[in-house]
N, C-alpha and C. Protein backbone atom coordinates (compact mmCIF):
# COMPACT_ATOMS: atom_id res chain seq x y z
N ILE A 1 3.62 -7.16 -10.18
CA ILE A 1 3.77 -7.31 -9.07
C ILE A 1 3.91 -8.96 -8.48
N ARG A 2 3.20 -9.71 -9.40
CA ARG A 2 3.25 -11.27 -8.90
C ARG A 2 4.50 -11.41 -9.30
N ARG A 3 5.22 -11.17 -10.38
CA ARG A 3 6.40 -11.89 -10.88
C ARG A 3 7.54 -11.44 -9.71
N THR A 4 7.66 -10.12 -9.12
CA THR A 4 8.41 -9.61 -8.36
C THR A 4 7.94 -10.51 -6.59
N TYR A 5 6.72 -10.69 -6.50
CA TYR A 5 6.26 -11.49 -5.36
C TYR A 5 6.71 -12.54 -5.18
N ARG A 6 6.80 -13.15 -6.37
CA ARG A 6 7.29 -14.82 -6.42
C ARG A 6 8.95 -14.86 -6.27
N THR A 7 9.56 -13.82 -6.71
CA THR A 7 11.31 -13.85 -6.76
C THR A 7 11.57 -13.70 -5.32
N LEU A 8 10.73 -12.55 -4.88
CA LEU A 8 11.27 -12.18 -3.21
C LEU A 8 10.86 -13.34 -2.62
N VAL A 9 9.88 -14.31 -2.55
CA VAL A 9 9.28 -15.11 -1.59
C VAL A 9 10.57 -16.52 -1.80
N SER A 10 10.66 -16.53 -2.95
CA SER A 10 11.60 -17.70 -3.23
C SER A 10 12.79 -17.42 -2.68
N ARG A 11 13.44 -16.36 -2.66
CA ARG A 11 14.68 -15.69 -2.31
C ARG A 11 14.66 -15.63 -0.56
N PHE A 12 13.71 -15.15 -0.11
CA PHE A 12 13.56 -15.30 1.16
C PHE A 12 12.88 -16.01 2.40
N HIS A 13 12.28 -17.46 1.65
CA HIS A 13 11.52 -18.06 2.28
C HIS A 13 12.36 -19.15 3.53
N PRO A 14 11.61 -18.82 4.69
CA PRO A 14 12.58 -19.11 5.92
C PRO A 14 13.03 -20.88 5.72
N ASP A 15 12.19 -21.63 5.13
CA ASP A 15 12.74 -22.88 4.59
C ASP A 15 14.06 -22.75 3.99
N LYS A 16 14.48 -21.83 3.16
CA LYS A 16 15.66 -21.97 2.51
C LYS A 16 16.87 -21.00 3.56
N THR A 17 16.57 -19.96 3.85
CA THR A 17 17.03 -19.09 4.52
C THR A 17 17.13 -19.08 6.05
N GLY A 18 16.22 -20.01 6.74
CA GLY A 18 16.19 -19.98 7.82
C GLY A 18 15.52 -19.19 9.01
N ALA A 19 15.50 -19.03 10.06
CA ALA A 19 14.41 -18.29 10.61
C ALA A 19 14.93 -16.59 10.81
N GLN A 20 16.22 -16.47 10.43
CA GLN A 20 16.48 -15.29 10.37
C GLN A 20 15.69 -14.12 9.41
N ASN A 21 15.08 -14.48 8.67
CA ASN A 21 14.52 -13.86 7.47
C ASN A 21 12.52 -13.91 7.58
N ALA A 22 12.61 -14.87 8.47
CA ALA A 22 10.86 -14.78 8.90
C ALA A 22 10.16 -13.91 8.60
N GLU A 23 10.45 -12.80 9.45
CA GLU A 23 9.98 -11.22 9.53
C GLU A 23 9.95 -10.67 8.02
N LEU A 24 10.78 -10.65 7.32
CA LEU A 24 10.92 -10.19 6.24
C LEU A 24 10.00 -10.79 5.43
N PHE A 25 10.06 -11.93 5.52
CA PHE A 25 9.23 -13.11 4.40
C PHE A 25 7.41 -12.46 4.60
N GLN A 26 7.22 -12.77 6.27
CA GLN A 26 6.04 -11.99 6.28
C GLN A 26 5.41 -10.64 5.81
N ALA A 27 6.35 -9.70 6.13
CA ALA A 27 6.29 -8.52 5.47
C ALA A 27 6.22 -8.41 3.78
N ILE A 28 6.94 -9.45 3.24
CA ILE A 28 6.66 -9.27 1.87
C ILE A 28 5.32 -10.08 1.37
N GLN A 29 4.76 -11.31 2.09
CA GLN A 29 3.59 -11.59 1.99
C GLN A 29 2.41 -10.37 2.01
N HIS A 30 2.78 -9.76 3.23
CA HIS A 30 1.48 -8.87 3.57
C HIS A 30 1.64 -7.98 2.53
N ALA A 31 2.66 -7.45 2.06
CA ALA A 31 2.51 -6.24 1.17
C ALA A 31 2.13 -6.76 -0.26
N TYR A 32 2.12 -7.85 -0.78
CA TYR A 32 1.53 -8.57 -1.80
C TYR A 32 0.11 -8.53 -1.66
N GLU A 33 -0.65 -8.98 -0.48
CA GLU A 33 -1.85 -9.29 0.13
C GLU A 33 -2.56 -8.07 -0.14
N VAL A 34 -1.71 -6.84 0.24
CA VAL A 34 -2.45 -5.75 0.34
C VAL A 34 -2.34 -5.20 -1.26
N LEU A 35 -1.43 -5.18 -2.23
CA LEU A 35 -1.29 -4.95 -3.62
C LEU A 35 -2.07 -5.50 -4.61
N SER A 36 -2.50 -6.86 -4.02
CA SER A 36 -2.93 -7.68 -4.88
C SER A 36 -4.68 -7.28 -5.20
N ASP A 37 -5.28 -6.84 -3.99
CA ASP A 37 -6.44 -7.03 -3.68
C ASP A 37 -6.63 -5.27 -3.77
N SER A 38 -7.46 -4.84 -4.81
CA SER A 38 -7.97 -3.22 -4.57
C SER A 38 -8.56 -2.65 -3.98
N SER A 39 -9.60 -3.35 -3.20
CA SER A 39 -10.19 -2.73 -1.87
C SER A 39 -9.08 -2.70 -0.68
N LYS A 40 -8.17 -3.45 -0.36
CA LYS A 40 -7.32 -3.48 0.17
C LYS A 40 -6.51 -2.23 0.00
N ARG A 41 -5.83 -2.44 -1.18
CA ARG A 41 -4.80 -1.50 -1.57
C ARG A 41 -5.69 0.03 -1.43
N GLN A 42 -6.81 0.17 -1.76
CA GLN A 42 -7.43 1.78 -1.62
C GLN A 42 -7.16 2.31 -0.28
N LEU A 43 -7.78 1.00 0.72
CA LEU A 43 -7.83 1.75 2.23
C LEU A 43 -6.28 1.78 2.52
N TYR A 44 -5.48 1.08 2.27
CA TYR A 44 -3.82 1.60 2.81
C TYR A 44 -3.55 2.75 1.64
N ASP A 45 -3.91 3.35 0.88
CA ASP A 45 -3.60 4.35 0.03
C ASP A 45 -4.17 5.62 1.08
N ALA A 46 -5.41 5.35 1.89
CA ALA A 46 -5.83 6.32 2.01
C ALA A 46 -5.66 6.60 3.41
N THR A 47 -5.54 5.01 4.22
CA THR A 47 -5.02 5.45 5.31
C THR A 47 -3.50 4.98 5.68
N GLY A 48 -2.66 4.58 5.18
CA GLY A 48 -1.47 4.13 5.40
C GLY A 48 -1.39 2.74 6.15
N THR A 49 -2.35 2.61 6.58
CA THR A 49 -2.28 1.07 7.24
C THR A 49 -3.55 0.18 6.44
N TRP A 50 -3.46 -1.16 6.93
CA TRP A 50 -4.04 -2.00 6.27
C TRP A 50 -4.73 -3.45 7.82
N GLU A 51 -5.76 -3.11 7.97
CA GLU A 51 -5.98 -4.12 9.48
C GLU A 51 -6.89 -4.83 9.32
N LYS A 52 -6.63 -6.16 9.49
CA LYS A 52 -7.54 -7.16 8.82
C LYS A 52 -8.73 -7.40 9.91
N GLY A 53 -9.73 -7.59 9.51
CA GLY A 53 -11.15 -7.66 9.99
C GLY A 53 -11.16 -8.77 10.64
N ALA A 54 -12.00 -8.90 11.91
CA ALA A 54 -12.19 -10.43 12.68
C ALA A 54 -12.72 -11.47 12.02
N GLU A 55 -13.12 -11.16 10.88
CA GLU A 55 -13.65 -12.35 10.05
C GLU A 55 -12.65 -12.74 9.43
N GLU A 56 -11.74 -12.10 8.68
CA GLU A 56 -10.53 -12.81 8.04
C GLU A 56 -9.48 -12.84 9.03
N GLU A 57 -9.28 -12.74 10.42
CA GLU A 57 -8.40 -13.48 11.44
C GLU A 57 -8.93 -14.36 11.72
N LEU A 58 -10.43 -14.65 11.93
CA LEU A 58 -10.77 -16.09 12.35
C LEU A 58 -10.93 -17.15 11.24
N LEU A 59 -11.42 -16.79 9.96
CA LEU A 59 -10.92 -17.66 9.05
C LEU A 59 -9.51 -18.09 8.72
N GLU A 60 -8.59 -17.21 8.79
CA GLU A 60 -6.97 -17.82 8.97
C GLU A 60 -6.68 -18.79 9.75
N SER A 61 -7.31 -18.40 11.06
CA SER A 61 -6.73 -18.93 12.02
C SER A 61 -7.24 -20.57 12.13
N PHE A 62 -8.21 -20.84 11.28
CA PHE A 62 -8.60 -22.04 10.78
C PHE A 62 -8.08 -22.72 9.57
N GLY A 63 -7.20 -21.91 9.07
CA GLY A 63 -6.43 -22.26 8.02
C GLY A 63 -7.13 -22.07 6.43
N GLY A 64 -8.13 -21.83 6.31
CA GLY A 64 -9.20 -21.54 5.19
C GLY A 64 -8.26 -19.85 4.70
N GLY A 65 -8.34 -18.95 5.11
CA GLY A 65 -8.49 -17.82 4.52
C GLY A 65 -8.95 -17.51 3.24
N GLU A 66 -10.05 -18.26 3.21
CA GLU A 66 -10.77 -17.97 1.97
C GLU A 66 -12.14 -17.22 2.41
N ASP A 67 -12.47 -16.44 1.36
CA ASP A 67 -13.99 -15.48 1.60
C ASP A 67 -15.23 -16.46 1.85
N ARG A 68 -15.60 -16.14 2.72
CA ARG A 68 -16.72 -17.17 3.20
C ARG A 68 -17.79 -17.13 2.23
N SER A 69 -18.22 -16.08 1.23
CA SER A 69 -19.25 -15.95 0.43
C SER A 69 -18.82 -16.70 -0.92
N ALA A 70 -17.46 -17.00 -0.63
CA ALA A 70 -17.01 -17.85 -2.15
C ALA A 70 -17.10 -19.02 -1.76
N ILE A 71 -17.14 -19.57 -0.44
CA ILE A 71 -17.37 -21.12 -0.07
C ILE A 71 -18.59 -21.50 -0.12
N VAL A 72 -19.35 -20.39 0.20
CA VAL A 72 -21.14 -20.90 0.72
C VAL A 72 -21.87 -21.03 -0.94
N SER A 73 -21.11 -20.22 -1.98
CA SER A 73 -21.95 -19.76 -3.11
C SER A 73 -21.84 -21.09 -4.03
């Protein structure tokens, strides 16, 4: 999964291809995020969707994107 992700990201990165592939690039990132995390993948397999929690959205808005427990530990 990681190798394919890196290939697709390098091929469709907005800095390389321009703004026309920005949505596709975000979709690739989202798919990798779900597939690389087993809990998110199980939720996606069960429901067909994966929604970010409020804590994840808040952390990403500050640019961290890291799990708070990992930072505090």
